[in-house]
Amino acid sequence: MDKILTFEDFTKVDLRVGTIVEVNDFPEARNPAYQLTIDFGDLGVKKSSAQITTLYSKEDLLNRQIVAVVNFPKKQIAKFMSECLVMGAVKEKDVYLLHPETKVRNGSTVN
């Protein structure tokens, strides 16, 4: 690891907990992905594209709490505008979603 962040750099990243309220297929994506709609409580609802189709079905994802970065600029992916980045741990090529151990309020900060 050759890039060292300062604590001030880290505090700029806004990690929040949200609940997935809608999941759709995303056939236009280069790699298999879902379009997610995520409720972040007082921060509102944001959309994200996530390449997590190998481990999670749409039914598995609905109403699941996840962790996401909510202060990145929007990113156009095909005809879809992604508004946040869902966090996951990568093992080989699979992505395992990060999530709170117990249910917390949507919009809760992650420190």
PDB file of N, CA and C in Angstrom:
ATOM      1  N   MET A   1       0.857  -1.174   0.000  1.00  0.00           N
ATOM      2  CA  MET A   1       0.000   0.000   0.000  1.00  0.00           C
ATOM      3  C   MET A   1       0.900   1.232   0.000  1.00  0.00           C
ATOM      4  N   ASP A   2       0.807   2.013  -1.048  1.00  0.00           N
ATOM      5  CA  ASP A   2       1.710   3.154  -1.166  1.00  0.00           C
ATOM      6  C   ASP A   2       1.036   4.512  -1.031  1.00  0.00           C
ATOM      7  N   LYS A   3      -0.289   4.564  -0.939  1.00  0.00           N
ATOM      8  CA  LYS A   3      -0.988   5.831  -0.780  1.00  0.00           C
ATOM      9  C   LYS A   3      -1.449   5.950   0.667  1.00  0.00           C
ATOM     10  N   ILE A   4      -0.902   6.927   1.365  1.00  0.00           N
ATOM     11  CA  ILE A   4      -1.263   7.161   2.761  1.00  0.00           C
ATOM     12  C   ILE A   4      -2.194   8.365   2.830  1.00  0.00           C
ATOM     13  N   LEU A   5      -3.335   8.179   3.491  1.00  0.00           N
ATOM     14  CA  LEU A   5      -4.283   9.268   3.693  1.00  0.00           C
ATOM     15  C   LEU A   5      -4.069   9.889   5.064  1.00  0.00           C
ATOM     16  N   THR A   6      -4.339  11.155   5.152  1.00  0.00           N
ATOM     17  CA  THR A   6      -4.354  11.783   6.470  1.00  0.00           C
ATOM     18  C   THR A   6      -5.741  11.562   7.073  1.00  0.00           C
ATOM     19  N   PHE A   7      -5.863  11.784   8.366  1.00  0.00           N
ATOM     20  CA  PHE A   7      -7.163  11.675   9.005  1.00  0.00           C
ATOM     21  C   PHE A   7      -8.123  12.680   8.384  1.00  0.00           C
ATOM     22  N   GLU A   8      -7.611  13.858   8.039  1.00  0.00           N
ATOM     23  CA  GLU A   8      -8.448  14.886   7.406  1.00  0.00           C
ATOM     24  C   GLU A   8      -8.998  14.376   6.068  1.00  0.00           C
ATOM     25  N   ASP A   9      -8.173  13.656   5.297  1.00  0.00           N
ATOM     26  CA  ASP A   9      -8.649  13.062   4.049  1.00  0.00           C
ATOM     27  C   ASP A   9      -9.797  12.098   4.325  1.00  0.00           C
ATOM     28  N   PHE A  10      -9.630  11.248   5.323  1.00  0.00           N
ATOM     29  CA  PHE A  10     -10.639  10.243   5.647  1.00  0.00           C
ATOM     30  C   PHE A  10     -11.953  10.897   6.064  1.00  0.00           C
ATOM     31  N   THR A  11     -11.888  11.994   6.802  1.00  0.00           N
ATOM     32  CA  THR A  11     -13.121  12.626   7.283  1.00  0.00           C
ATOM     33  C   THR A  11     -13.945  13.222   6.141  1.00  0.00           C
ATOM     34  N   LYS A  12     -13.364  13.356   4.969  1.00  0.00           N
ATOM     35  CA  LYS A  12     -14.105  13.864   3.808  1.00  0.00           C
ATOM     36  C   LYS A  12     -15.030  12.802   3.213  1.00  0.00           C
ATOM     37  N   VAL A  13     -14.774  11.532   3.501  1.00  0.00           N
ATOM     38  CA  VAL A  13     -15.589  10.439   2.964  1.00  0.00           C
ATOM     39  C   VAL A  13     -16.819  10.272   3.855  1.00  0.00           C
ATOM     40  N   ASP A  14     -17.990  10.417   3.263  1.00  0.00           N
ATOM     41  CA  ASP A  14     -19.247  10.314   4.004  1.00  0.00           C
ATOM     42  C   ASP A  14     -19.843   8.925   3.785  1.00  0.00           C
ATOM     43  N   LEU A  15     -19.582   8.029   4.737  1.00  0.00           N
ATOM     44  CA  LEU A  15     -20.116   6.667   4.696  1.00  0.00           C
ATOM     45  C   LEU A  15     -21.406   6.619   5.495  1.00  0.00           C
ATOM     46  N   ARG A  16     -22.464   6.088   4.886  1.00  0.00           N
ATOM     47  CA  ARG A  16     -23.766   6.030   5.545  1.00  0.00           C
ATOM     48  C   ARG A  16     -24.412   4.668   5.348  1.00  0.00           C
ATOM     49  N   VAL A  17     -25.330   4.353   6.247  1.00  0.00           N
ATOM     50  CA  VAL A  17     -26.127   3.136   6.142  1.00  0.00           C
ATOM     51  C   VAL A  17     -27.442   3.490   5.458  1.00  0.00           C
ATOM     52  N   GLY A  18     -27.839   2.639   4.525  1.00  0.00           N
ATOM     53  CA  GLY A  18     -29.121   2.811   3.855  1.00  0.00           C
ATOM     54  C   GLY A  18     -29.782   1.461   3.643  1.00  0.00           C
ATOM     55  N   THR A  19     -31.063   1.490   3.332  1.00  0.00           N
ATOM     56  CA  THR A  19     -31.819   0.272   3.066  1.00  0.00           C
ATOM     57  C   THR A  19     -32.198   0.229   1.587  1.00  0.00           C
ATOM     58  N   ILE A  20     -31.915  -0.893   0.953  1.00  0.00           N
ATOM     59  CA  ILE A  20     -32.265  -1.076  -0.457  1.00  0.00           C
ATOM     60  C   ILE A  20     -33.781  -1.253  -0.547  1.00  0.00           C
ATOM     61  N   VAL A  21     -34.437  -0.359  -1.289  1.00  0.00           N
ATOM     62  CA  VAL A  21     -35.891  -0.398  -1.389  1.00  0.00           C
ATOM     63  C   VAL A  21     -36.374  -0.833  -2.774  1.00  0.00           C
ATOM     64  N   GLU A  22     -35.452  -0.892  -3.741  1.00  0.00           N
ATOM     65  CA  GLU A  22     -35.819  -1.343  -5.081  1.00  0.00           C
ATOM     66  C   GLU A  22     -34.585  -1.914  -5.758  1.00  0.00           C
ATOM     67  N   VAL A  23     -34.766  -3.008  -6.488  1.00  0.00           N
ATOM     68  CA  VAL A  23     -33.673  -3.660  -7.218  1.00  0.00           C
ATOM     69  C   VAL A  23     -34.164  -3.997  -8.617  1.00  0.00           C
ATOM     70  N   ASN A  24     -33.395  -3.559  -9.620  1.00  0.00           N
ATOM     71  CA  ASN A  24     -33.744  -3.857 -11.009  1.00  0.00           C
ATOM     72  C   ASN A  24     -32.545  -4.418 -11.744  1.00  0.00           C
ATOM     73  N   ASP A  25     -32.811  -5.249 -12.740  1.00  0.00           N
ATOM     74  CA  ASP A  25     -31.743  -5.719 -13.611  1.00  0.00           C
ATOM     75  C   ASP A  25     -31.169  -4.527 -14.367  1.00  0.00           C
ATOM     76  N   PHE A  26     -29.913  -4.662 -14.797  1.00  0.00           N
ATOM     77  CA  PHE A  26     -29.239  -3.581 -15.524  1.00  0.00           C
ATOM     78  C   PHE A  26     -28.563  -4.179 -16.759  1.00  0.00           C
ATOM     79  N   PRO A  27     -29.363  -4.565 -17.762  1.00  0.00           N
ATOM     80  CA  PRO A  27     -28.807  -5.255 -18.929  1.00  0.00           C
ATOM     81  C   PRO A  27     -27.845  -4.394 -19.759  1.00  0.00           C
ATOM     82  N   GLU A  28     -27.918  -3.070 -19.643  1.00  0.00           N
ATOM     83  CA  GLU A  28     -27.028  -2.194 -20.414  1.00  0.00           C
ATOM     84  C   GLU A  28     -25.614  -2.104 -19.828  1.00  0.00           C
ATOM     85  N   ALA A  29     -25.424  -2.560 -18.615  1.00  0.00           N
ATOM     86  CA  ALA A  29     -24.102  -2.481 -17.969  1.00  0.00           C
ATOM     87  C   ALA A  29     -23.122  -3.415 -18.680  1.00  0.00           C
ATOM     88  N   ARG A  30     -21.844  -3.014 -18.721  1.00  0.00           N
ATOM     89  CA  ARG A  30     -20.803  -3.844 -19.341  1.00  0.00           C
ATOM     90  C   ARG A  30     -20.647  -5.181 -18.633  1.00  0.00           C
ATOM     91  N   ASN A  31     -20.656  -5.142 -17.313  1.00  0.00           N
ATOM     92  CA  ASN A  31     -20.569  -6.353 -16.496  1.00  0.00           C
ATOM     93  C   ASN A  31     -21.912  -6.542 -15.800  1.00  0.00           C
ATOM     94  N   PRO A  32     -22.300  -7.780 -15.508  1.00  0.00           N
ATOM     95  CA  PRO A  32     -23.598  -8.003 -14.856  1.00  0.00           C
ATOM     96  C   PRO A  32     -23.744  -7.160 -13.586  1.00  0.00           C
ATOM     97  N   ALA A  33     -24.860  -6.451 -13.492  1.00  0.00           N
ATOM     98  CA  ALA A  33     -25.073  -5.533 -12.371  1.00  0.00           C
ATOM     99  C   ALA A  33     -26.561  -5.352 -12.118  1.00  0.00           C
ATOM    100  N   TYR A  34     -26.842  -4.793 -10.949  1.00  0.00           N
ATOM    101  CA  TYR A  34     -28.199  -4.378 -10.603  1.00  0.00           C
ATOM    102  C   TYR A  34     -28.231  -2.855 -10.482  1.00  0.00           C
ATOM    103  N   GLN A  35     -29.410  -2.299 -10.696  1.00  0.00           N
ATOM    104  CA  GLN A  35     -29.685  -0.911 -10.359  1.00  0.00           C
ATOM    105  C   GLN A  35     -30.384  -0.927  -9.009  1.00  0.00           C
ATOM    106  N   LEU A  36     -29.803  -0.250  -8.028  1.00  0.00           N
ATOM    107  CA  LEU A  36     -30.339  -0.227  -6.675  1.00  0.00           C
ATOM    108  C   LEU A  36     -30.916   1.149  -6.356  1.00  0.00           C
ATOM    109  N   THR A  37     -32.028   1.163  -5.652  1.00  0.00           N
ATOM    110  CA  THR A  37     -32.577   2.390  -5.080  1.00  0.00           C
ATOM    111  C   THR A  37     -32.460   2.219  -3.573  1.00  0.00           C
ATOM    112  N   ILE A  38     -31.797   3.189  -2.917  1.00  0.00           N
ATOM    113  CA  ILE A  38     -31.430   3.042  -1.508  1.00  0.00           C
ATOM    114  C   ILE A  38     -31.964   4.227  -0.706  1.00  0.00           C
ATOM    115  N   ASP A  39     -32.643   3.924   0.396  1.00  0.00           N
ATOM    116  CA  ASP A  39     -33.195   4.941   1.293  1.00  0.00           C
ATOM    117  C   ASP A  39     -32.163   5.268   2.367  1.00  0.00           C
ATOM    118  N   PHE A  40     -31.700   6.527   2.388  1.00  0.00           N
ATOM    119  CA  PHE A  40     -30.741   6.992   3.381  1.00  0.00           C
ATOM    120  C   PHE A  40     -31.383   7.919   4.409  1.00  0.00           C
ATOM    121  N   GLY A  41     -32.650   7.705   4.696  1.00  0.00           N
ATOM    122  CA  GLY A  41     -33.327   8.489   5.730  1.00  0.00           C
ATOM    123  C   GLY A  41     -33.377   9.960   5.386  1.00  0.00           C
ATOM    124  N   ASP A  42     -32.877  10.816   6.294  1.00  0.00           N
ATOM    125  CA  ASP A  42     -32.911  12.273   6.100  1.00  0.00           C
ATOM    126  C   ASP A  42     -32.122  12.725   4.874  1.00  0.00           C
ATOM    127  N   LEU A  43     -31.178  11.910   4.396  1.00  0.00           N
ATOM    128  CA  LEU A  43     -30.395  12.262   3.198  1.00  0.00           C
ATOM    129  C   LEU A  43     -31.176  11.995   1.917  1.00  0.00           C
ATOM    130  N   GLY A  44     -32.284  11.290   2.036  1.00  0.00           N
ATOM    131  CA  GLY A  44     -33.106  11.002   0.868  1.00  0.00           C
ATOM    132  C   GLY A  44     -32.793   9.657   0.244  1.00  0.00           C
ATOM    133  N   VAL A  45     -33.322   9.474  -0.944  1.00  0.00           N
ATOM    134  CA  VAL A  45     -33.168   8.228  -1.690  1.00  0.00           C
ATOM    135  C   VAL A  45     -32.145   8.454  -2.791  1.00  0.00           C
ATOM    136  N   LYS A  46     -31.210   7.509  -2.928  1.00  0.00           N
ATOM    137  CA  LYS A  46     -30.171   7.604  -3.955  1.00  0.00           C
ATOM    138  C   LYS A  46     -30.135   6.300  -4.743  1.00  0.00           C
ATOM    139  N   LYS A  47     -29.615   6.395  -5.962  1.00  0.00           N
ATOM    140  CA  LYS A  47     -29.500   5.227  -6.834  1.00  0.00           C
ATOM    141  C   LYS A  47     -28.033   4.847  -6.996  1.00  0.00           C
ATOM    142  N   SER A  48     -27.810   3.557  -7.216  1.00  0.00           N
ATOM    143  CA  SER A  48     -26.458   3.058  -7.427  1.00  0.00           C
ATOM    144  C   SER A  48     -26.498   1.842  -8.341  1.00  0.00           C
ATOM    145  N   SER A  49     -25.417   1.651  -9.069  1.00  0.00           N
ATOM    146  CA  SER A  49     -25.231   0.434  -9.850  1.00  0.00           C
ATOM    147  C   SER A  49     -24.245  -0.432  -9.075  1.00  0.00           C
ATOM    148  N   ALA A  50     -24.532  -1.738  -8.981  1.00  0.00           N
ATOM    149  CA  ALA A  50     -23.652  -2.616  -8.207  1.00  0.00           C
ATOM    150  C   ALA A  50     -23.471  -3.948  -8.934  1.00  0.00           C
ATOM    151  N   GLN A  51     -22.215  -4.349  -9.094  1.00  0.00           N
ATOM    152  CA  GLN A  51     -21.888  -5.616  -9.748  1.00  0.00           C
ATOM    153  C   GLN A  51     -21.863  -6.726  -8.697  1.00  0.00           C
ATOM    154  N   ILE A  52     -23.039  -7.107  -8.256  1.00  0.00           N
ATOM    155  CA  ILE A  52     -23.160  -8.077  -7.161  1.00  0.00           C
ATOM    156  C   ILE A  52     -24.117  -9.214  -7.518  1.00  0.00           C
ATOM    157  N   THR A  53     -24.290  -9.459  -8.812  1.00  0.00           N
ATOM    158  CA  THR A  53     -25.280 -10.433  -9.259  1.00  0.00           C
ATOM    159  C   THR A  53     -24.869 -11.882  -9.007  1.00  0.00           C
ATOM    160  N   THR A  54     -23.591 -12.164  -8.809  1.00  0.00           N
ATOM    161  CA  THR A  54     -23.176 -13.557  -8.622  1.00  0.00           C
ATOM    162  C   THR A  54     -23.521 -14.078  -7.227  1.00  0.00           C
ATOM    163  N   LEU A  55     -23.522 -13.215  -6.227  1.00  0.00           N
ATOM    164  CA  LEU A  55     -23.785 -13.655  -4.856  1.00  0.00           C
ATOM    165  C   LEU A  55     -25.177 -13.323  -4.342  1.00  0.00           C
ATOM    166  N   TYR A  56     -25.842 -12.339  -4.960  1.00  0.00           N
ATOM    167  CA  TYR A  56     -27.108 -11.851  -4.425  1.00  0.00           C
ATOM    168  C   TYR A  56     -28.195 -11.864  -5.491  1.00  0.00           C
ATOM    169  N   SER A  57     -29.351 -12.377  -5.126  1.00  0.00           N
ATOM    170  CA  SER A  57     -30.521 -12.264  -5.998  1.00  0.00           C
ATOM    171  C   SER A  57     -31.218 -10.945  -5.665  1.00  0.00           C
ATOM    172  N   LYS A  58     -32.127 -10.537  -6.531  1.00  0.00           N
ATOM    173  CA  LYS A  58     -32.886  -9.310  -6.262  1.00  0.00           C
ATOM    174  C   LYS A  58     -33.670  -9.449  -4.960  1.00  0.00           C
ATOM    175  N   GLU A  59     -34.202 -10.629  -4.716  1.00  0.00           N
ATOM    176  CA  GLU A  59     -34.980 -10.864  -3.494  1.00  0.00           C
ATOM    177  C   GLU A  59     -34.091 -10.773  -2.246  1.00  0.00           C
ATOM    178  N   ASP A  60     -32.833 -11.251  -2.343  1.00  0.00           N
ATOM    179  CA  ASP A  60     -31.890 -11.166  -1.221  1.00  0.00           C
ATOM    180  C   ASP A  60     -31.590  -9.717  -0.856  1.00  0.00           C
ATOM    181  N   LEU A  61     -31.577  -8.855  -1.860  1.00  0.00           N
ATOM    182  CA  LEU A  61     -31.159  -7.466  -1.650  1.00  0.00           C
ATOM    183  C   LEU A  61     -32.276  -6.567  -1.127  1.00  0.00           C
ATOM    184  N   LEU A  62     -33.497  -6.855  -1.496  1.00  0.00           N
ATOM    185  CA  LEU A  62     -34.609  -5.998  -1.110  1.00  0.00           C
ATOM    186  C   LEU A  62     -34.733  -5.923   0.407  1.00  0.00           C
ATOM    187  N   ASN A  63     -34.765  -4.710   0.937  1.00  0.00           N
ATOM    188  CA  ASN A  63     -34.868  -4.400   2.373  1.00  0.00           C
ATOM    189  C   ASN A  63     -33.600  -4.711   3.164  1.00  0.00           C
ATOM    190  N   ARG A  64     -32.489  -4.957   2.489  1.00  0.00           N
ATOM    191  CA  ARG A  64     -31.202  -5.196   3.145  1.00  0.00           C
ATOM    192  C   ARG A  64     -30.514  -3.857   3.406  1.00  0.00           C
ATOM    193  N   GLN A  65     -29.947  -3.715   4.588  1.00  0.00           N
ATOM    194  CA  GLN A  65     -29.160  -2.518   4.876  1.00  0.00           C
ATOM    195  C   GLN A  65     -27.744  -2.707   4.349  1.00  0.00           C
ATOM    196  N   ILE A  66     -27.192  -1.625   3.815  1.00  0.00           N
ATOM    197  CA  ILE A  66     -25.848  -1.645   3.245  1.00  0.00           C
ATOM    198  C   ILE A  66     -25.099  -0.390   3.699  1.00  0.00           C
ATOM    199  N   VAL A  67     -23.810  -0.355   3.390  1.00  0.00           N
ATOM    200  CA  VAL A  67     -22.981   0.820   3.643  1.00  0.00           C
ATOM    201  C   VAL A  67     -22.582   1.404   2.286  1.00  0.00           C
ATOM    202  N   ALA A  68     -22.658   2.729   2.157  1.00  0.00           N
ATOM    203  CA  ALA A  68     -22.310   3.373   0.891  1.00  0.00           C
ATOM    204  C   ALA A  68     -21.637   4.714   1.144  1.00  0.00           C
ATOM    205  N   VAL A  69     -20.809   5.118   0.179  1.00  0.00           N
ATOM    206  CA  VAL A  69     -20.256   6.475   0.159  1.00  0.00           C
ATOM    207  C   VAL A  69     -21.298   7.337  -0.534  1.00  0.00           C
ATOM    208  N   VAL A  70     -21.753   8.386   0.149  1.00  0.00           N
ATOM    209  CA  VAL A  70     -22.844   9.198  -0.397  1.00  0.00           C
ATOM    210  C   VAL A  70     -22.403  10.572  -0.896  1.00  0.00           C
ATOM    211  N   ASN A  71     -21.111  10.885  -0.802  1.00  0.00           N
ATOM    212  CA  ASN A  71     -20.683  12.222  -1.230  1.00  0.00           C
ATOM    213  C   ASN A  71     -19.721  12.216  -2.417  1.00  0.00           C
ATOM    214  N   PHE A  72     -19.781  11.166  -3.236  1.00  0.00           N
ATOM    215  CA  PHE A  72     -19.078  11.189  -4.517  1.00  0.00           C
ATOM    216  C   PHE A  72     -19.931  11.941  -5.531  1.00  0.00           C
ATOM    217  N   PRO A  73     -19.310  12.493  -6.568  1.00  0.00           N
ATOM    218  CA  PRO A  73     -20.134  13.084  -7.630  1.00  0.00           C
ATOM    219  C   PRO A  73     -20.915  11.987  -8.362  1.00  0.00           C
ATOM    220  N   LYS A  74     -22.029  12.357  -8.962  1.00  0.00           N
ATOM    221  CA  LYS A  74     -22.821  11.406  -9.731  1.00  0.00           C
ATOM    222  C   LYS A  74     -21.980  10.875 -10.892  1.00  0.00           C
ATOM    223  N   LYS A  75     -22.261   9.618 -11.284  1.00  0.00           N
ATOM    224  CA  LYS A  75     -21.516   8.999 -12.379  1.00  0.00           C
ATOM    225  C   LYS A  75     -22.488   8.337 -13.343  1.00  0.00           C
ATOM    226  N   GLN A  76     -22.356   8.677 -14.613  1.00  0.00           N
ATOM    227  CA  GLN A  76     -23.193   8.091 -15.653  1.00  0.00           C
ATOM    228  C   GLN A  76     -22.664   6.706 -15.996  1.00  0.00           C
ATOM    229  N   ILE A  77     -23.525   5.685 -15.880  1.00  0.00           N
ATOM    230  CA  ILE A  77     -23.185   4.318 -16.255  1.00  0.00           C
ATOM    231  C   ILE A  77     -24.252   3.881 -17.243  1.00  0.00           C
ATOM    232  N   ALA A  78     -23.857   3.767 -18.517  1.00  0.00           N
ATOM    233  CA  ALA A  78     -24.809   3.532 -19.602  1.00  0.00           C
ATOM    234  C   ALA A  78     -25.860   4.646 -19.534  1.00  0.00           C
ATOM    235  N   LYS A  79     -27.146   4.294 -19.463  1.00  0.00           N
ATOM    236  CA  LYS A  79     -28.197   5.324 -19.396  1.00  0.00           C
ATOM    237  C   LYS A  79     -28.655   5.569 -17.964  1.00  0.00           C
ATOM    238  N   PHE A  80     -27.841   5.156 -17.002  1.00  0.00           N
ATOM    239  CA  PHE A  80     -28.213   5.203 -15.580  1.00  0.00           C
ATOM    240  C   PHE A  80     -27.269   6.153 -14.843  1.00  0.00           C
ATOM    241  N   MET A  81     -27.823   6.980 -13.944  1.00  0.00           N
ATOM    242  CA  MET A  81     -27.011   7.901 -13.149  1.00  0.00           C
ATOM    243  C   MET A  81     -26.837   7.334 -11.745  1.00  0.00           C
ATOM    244  N   SER A  82     -25.600   6.949 -11.414  1.00  0.00           N
ATOM    245  CA  SER A  82     -25.293   6.416 -10.095  1.00  0.00           C
ATOM    246  C   SER A  82     -24.974   7.578  -9.166  1.00  0.00           C
ATOM    247  N   GLU A  83     -25.600   7.580  -7.973  1.00  0.00           N
ATOM    248  CA  GLU A  83     -25.477   8.703  -7.050  1.00  0.00           C
ATOM    249  C   GLU A  83     -24.697   8.381  -5.774  1.00  0.00           C
ATOM    250  N   CYS A  84     -24.331   7.119  -5.595  1.00  0.00           N
ATOM    251  CA  CYS A  84     -23.567   6.725  -4.422  1.00  0.00           C
ATOM    252  C   CYS A  84     -22.793   5.454  -4.764  1.00  0.00           C
ATOM    253  N   LEU A  85     -21.851   5.096  -3.906  1.00  0.00           N
ATOM    254  CA  LEU A  85     -21.023   3.906  -4.130  1.00  0.00           C
ATOM    255  C   LEU A  85     -21.244   2.919  -3.001  1.00  0.00           C
ATOM    256  N   VAL A  86     -21.864   1.789  -3.327  1.00  0.00           N
ATOM    257  CA  VAL A  86     -22.115   0.740  -2.343  1.00  0.00           C
ATOM    258  C   VAL A  86     -20.792   0.044  -2.043  1.00  0.00           C
ATOM    259  N   MET A  87     -20.522  -0.162  -0.761  1.00  0.00           N
ATOM    260  CA  MET A  87     -19.244  -0.738  -0.337  1.00  0.00           C
ATOM    261  C   MET A  87     -19.336  -2.255  -0.187  1.00  0.00           C
ATOM    262  N   GLY A  88     -18.241  -2.916  -0.560  1.00  0.00           N
ATOM    263  CA  GLY A  88     -18.184  -4.360  -0.428  1.00  0.00           C
ATOM    264  C   GLY A  88     -16.744  -4.826  -0.325  1.00  0.00           C
ATOM    265  N   ALA A  89     -16.571  -5.994   0.223  1.00  0.00           N
ATOM    266  CA  ALA A  89     -15.255  -6.634   0.305  1.00  0.00           C
ATOM    267  C   ALA A  89     -15.139  -7.591  -0.873  1.00  0.00           C
ATOM    268  N   VAL A  90     -13.984  -7.590  -1.519  1.00  0.00           N
ATOM    269  CA  VAL A  90     -13.773  -8.423  -2.697  1.00  0.00           C
ATOM    270  C   VAL A  90     -12.962  -9.649  -2.310  1.00  0.00           C
ATOM    271  N   LYS A  91     -13.500 -10.803  -2.686  1.00  0.00           N
ATOM    272  CA  LYS A  91     -12.796 -12.073  -2.510  1.00  0.00           C
ATOM    273  C   LYS A  91     -12.790 -12.739  -3.870  1.00  0.00           C
ATOM    274  N   GLU A  92     -11.591 -12.898  -4.431  1.00  0.00           N
ATOM    275  CA  GLU A  92     -11.448 -13.346  -5.810  1.00  0.00           C
ATOM    276  C   GLU A  92     -12.194 -12.346  -6.671  1.00  0.00           C
ATOM    277  N   LYS A  93     -13.268 -12.732  -7.335  1.00  0.00           N
ATOM    278  CA  LYS A  93     -14.005 -11.761  -8.160  1.00  0.00           C
ATOM    279  C   LYS A  93     -15.381 -11.435  -7.588  1.00  0.00           C
ATOM    280  N   ASP A  94     -15.702 -12.021  -6.440  1.00  0.00           N
ATOM    281  CA  ASP A  94     -17.007 -11.793  -5.826  1.00  0.00           C
ATOM    282  C   ASP A  94     -16.960 -10.607  -4.871  1.00  0.00           C
ATOM    283  N   VAL A  95     -18.070  -9.872  -4.801  1.00  0.00           N
ATOM    284  CA  VAL A  95     -18.189  -8.727  -3.905  1.00  0.00           C
ATOM    285  C   VAL A  95     -19.195  -9.070  -2.808  1.00  0.00           C
ATOM    286  N   TYR A  96     -18.742  -8.960  -1.555  1.00  0.00           N
ATOM    287  CA  TYR A  96     -19.575  -9.210  -0.381  1.00  0.00           C
ATOM    288  C   TYR A  96     -19.942  -7.865   0.232  1.00  0.00           C
ATOM    289  N   LEU A  97     -21.226  -7.561   0.273  1.00  0.00           N
ATOM    290  CA  LEU A  97     -21.681  -6.260   0.758  1.00  0.00           C
ATOM    291  C   LEU A  97     -21.325  -6.033   2.222  1.00  0.00           C
ATOM    292  N   LEU A  98     -20.907  -4.815   2.529  1.00  0.00           N
ATOM    293  CA  LEU A  98     -20.695  -4.418   3.916  1.00  0.00           C
ATOM    294  C   LEU A  98     -22.047  -3.962   4.473  1.00  0.00           C
ATOM    295  N   HIS A  99     -22.316  -4.334   5.721  1.00  0.00           N
ATOM    296  CA  HIS A  99     -23.600  -3.989   6.314  1.00  0.00           C
ATOM    297  C   HIS A  99     -23.463  -3.967   7.837  1.00  0.00           C
ATOM    298  N   PRO A 100     -24.357  -3.222   8.521  1.00  0.00           N
ATOM    299  CA  PRO A 100     -24.309  -3.216   9.988  1.00  0.00           C
ATOM    300  C   PRO A 100     -24.723  -4.579  10.542  1.00  0.00           C
ATOM    301  N   GLU A 101     -24.196  -4.899  11.706  1.00  0.00           N
ATOM    302  CA  GLU A 101     -24.510  -6.173  12.358  1.00  0.00           C
ATOM    303  C   GLU A 101     -25.962  -6.244  12.819  1.00  0.00           C
ATOM    304  N   THR A 102     -26.496  -5.116  13.241  1.00  0.00           N
ATOM    305  CA  THR A 102     -27.903  -5.030  13.626  1.00  0.00           C
ATOM    306  C   THR A 102     -28.535  -3.877  12.871  1.00  0.00           C
ATOM    307  N   LYS A 103     -29.856  -3.879  12.779  1.00  0.00           N
ATOM    308  CA  LYS A 103     -30.559  -2.820  12.063  1.00  0.00           C
ATOM    309  C   LYS A 103     -30.337  -1.481  12.762  1.00  0.00           C
ATOM    310  N   VAL A 104     -29.990  -0.464  11.964  1.00  0.00           N
ATOM    311  CA  VAL A 104     -29.801   0.893  12.476  1.00  0.00           C
ATOM    312  C   VAL A 104     -30.646   1.850  11.638  1.00  0.00           C
ATOM    313  N   ARG A 105     -30.717   3.083  12.100  1.00  0.00           N
ATOM    314  CA  ARG A 105     -31.504   4.101  11.389  1.00  0.00           C
ATOM    315  C   ARG A 105     -30.861   4.392  10.034  1.00  0.00           C
ATOM    316  N   ASN A 106     -31.671   4.459   8.970  1.00  0.00           N
ATOM    317  CA  ASN A 106     -31.159   4.839   7.666  1.00  0.00           C
ATOM    318  C   ASN A 106     -30.533   6.225   7.753  1.00  0.00           C
ATOM    319  N   GLY A 107     -29.358   6.349   7.141  1.00  0.00           N
ATOM    320  CA  GLY A 107     -28.626   7.613   7.187  1.00  0.00           C
ATOM    321  C   GLY A 107     -27.591   7.646   8.296  1.00  0.00           C
ATOM    322  N   SER A 108     -27.548   6.621   9.139  1.00  0.00           N
ATOM    323  CA  SER A 108     -26.547   6.580  10.208  1.00  0.00           C
ATOM    324  C   SER A 108     -25.149   6.668   9.613  1.00  0.00           C
ATOM    325  N   THR A 109     -24.265   7.384  10.287  1.00  0.00           N
ATOM    326  CA  THR A 109     -22.890   7.517   9.809  1.00  0.00           C
ATOM    327  C   THR A 109     -22.089   6.271  10.164  1.00  0.00           C
ATOM    328  N   VAL A 110     -21.055   6.029   9.378  1.00  0.00           N
ATOM    329  CA  VAL A 110     -20.124   4.939   9.620  1.00  0.00           C
ATOM    330  C   VAL A 110     -18.788   5.587   9.920  1.00  0.00           C
ATOM    331  N   ASN A 111     -18.231   5.284  11.099  1.00  0.00           N
ATOM    332  CA  ASN A 111     -16.968   5.905  11.508  1.00  0.00           C
ATOM    333  C   ASN A 111     -15.867   4.879  11.571  1.00  0.00           C
TER     334      ASN A 111
END
